[in-house]
Every structure is written in C-alpha cells, then in structure tokens.
Protein backbone atom coordinates (compact mmCIF):
# COMPACT_ATOMS: atom_id res chain seq x y z
CA MET A 1 -7.72 -14.87 -34.64
CA THR A 2 -7.31 -17.17 -31.63
CA LYS A 3 -3.67 -16.11 -31.19
CA LEU A 4 -4.76 -12.48 -31.13
CA ARG A 5 -7.36 -13.20 -28.45
CA SER A 6 -4.79 -15.10 -26.40
CA LEU A 7 -2.36 -12.20 -26.69
CA ILE A 8 -5.00 -9.68 -25.68
CA SER A 9 -6.07 -11.86 -22.73
CA ALA A 10 -2.46 -12.19 -21.58
CA LEU A 11 -1.91 -8.43 -21.80
CA VAL A 12 -5.09 -7.73 -19.83
CA ALA A 13 -4.08 -10.27 -17.17
CA LEU A 14 -0.63 -8.68 -16.96
CA GLY A 15 -2.17 -5.25 -16.54
CA VAL A 16 -4.48 -6.45 -13.77
CA ALA A 17 -1.63 -8.20 -11.98
CA THR A 18 0.55 -5.08 -12.20
CA ALA A 19 -2.23 -2.90 -10.80
CA ALA A 20 -2.89 -5.34 -7.96
CA LEU A 21 0.77 -5.53 -6.98
CA SER A 22 1.25 -1.78 -7.01
CA ALA A 23 -1.86 -1.35 -4.86
CA CYS A 24 -0.37 -3.74 -2.29
CA ASN A 25 2.82 -1.70 -2.14
CA THR A 26 0.82 1.49 -1.76
CA MET A 27 -1.24 0.05 1.10
CA GLU A 28 1.88 -1.25 2.81
CA GLY A 29 3.49 2.18 2.59
CA MET A 30 0.36 3.85 3.91
CA GLY A 31 0.29 1.41 6.82
CA LYS A 32 3.89 2.25 7.68
CA ASP A 33 3.11 5.97 7.54
CA MET A 34 0.10 5.53 9.83
CA LYS A 35 2.17 3.49 12.27
CA SER A 36 4.87 6.17 12.32
CA ALA A 37 2.33 8.93 12.91
CA GLY A 38 0.71 6.93 15.72
CA LYS A 39 4.09 6.40 17.36
CA LYS A 40 4.79 10.14 17.29
CA VAL A 41 1.41 10.93 18.85
CA GLU A 42 2.02 8.30 21.52
CA ASP A 43 5.47 9.74 22.30
CA MET A 44 4.05 13.26 22.58
CA ALA A 45 1.34 12.02 24.93
CA LYS A 46 3.92 10.31 27.13
CA LYS A 47 6.02 13.50 27.30
CA ASP A 48 2.94 15.54 28.20
CA GLU A 49 1.98 13.06 30.92
CA LYS A 50 5.45 13.29 32.49
CA LYS A 51 5.11 17.07 32.78
CA LYS A 52 2.06 16.73 35.04
C-alpha cells in the first residue's frame, strides 16, 4: 500500500512539474510575440513621424 501511494505521489509531482514547465515556455513565447509586435508598432510610428 505504501509503494502505491509513493508511486501515485511521484506521478502527481511529475504531472505538476510538466505543467509548470510548459507554462513557462508558453509565457516566454508570448513575451517574445509581444516584444515583436511592440517593435513593429514602434517602427511604424517612426516612419510616420519622418513623413511629417
């Protein structure tokens, strides 16, 4: 019975760790996307300012 509980605990911990790591990758990717979008907006603003 104790071995079964240990196995279940290990599997739950592995699942939590996997979810946490994938969330970090997702947030990192979202941050890169936001940075890229901000750069494009900034470039467009600079081009518009040069036209004036």
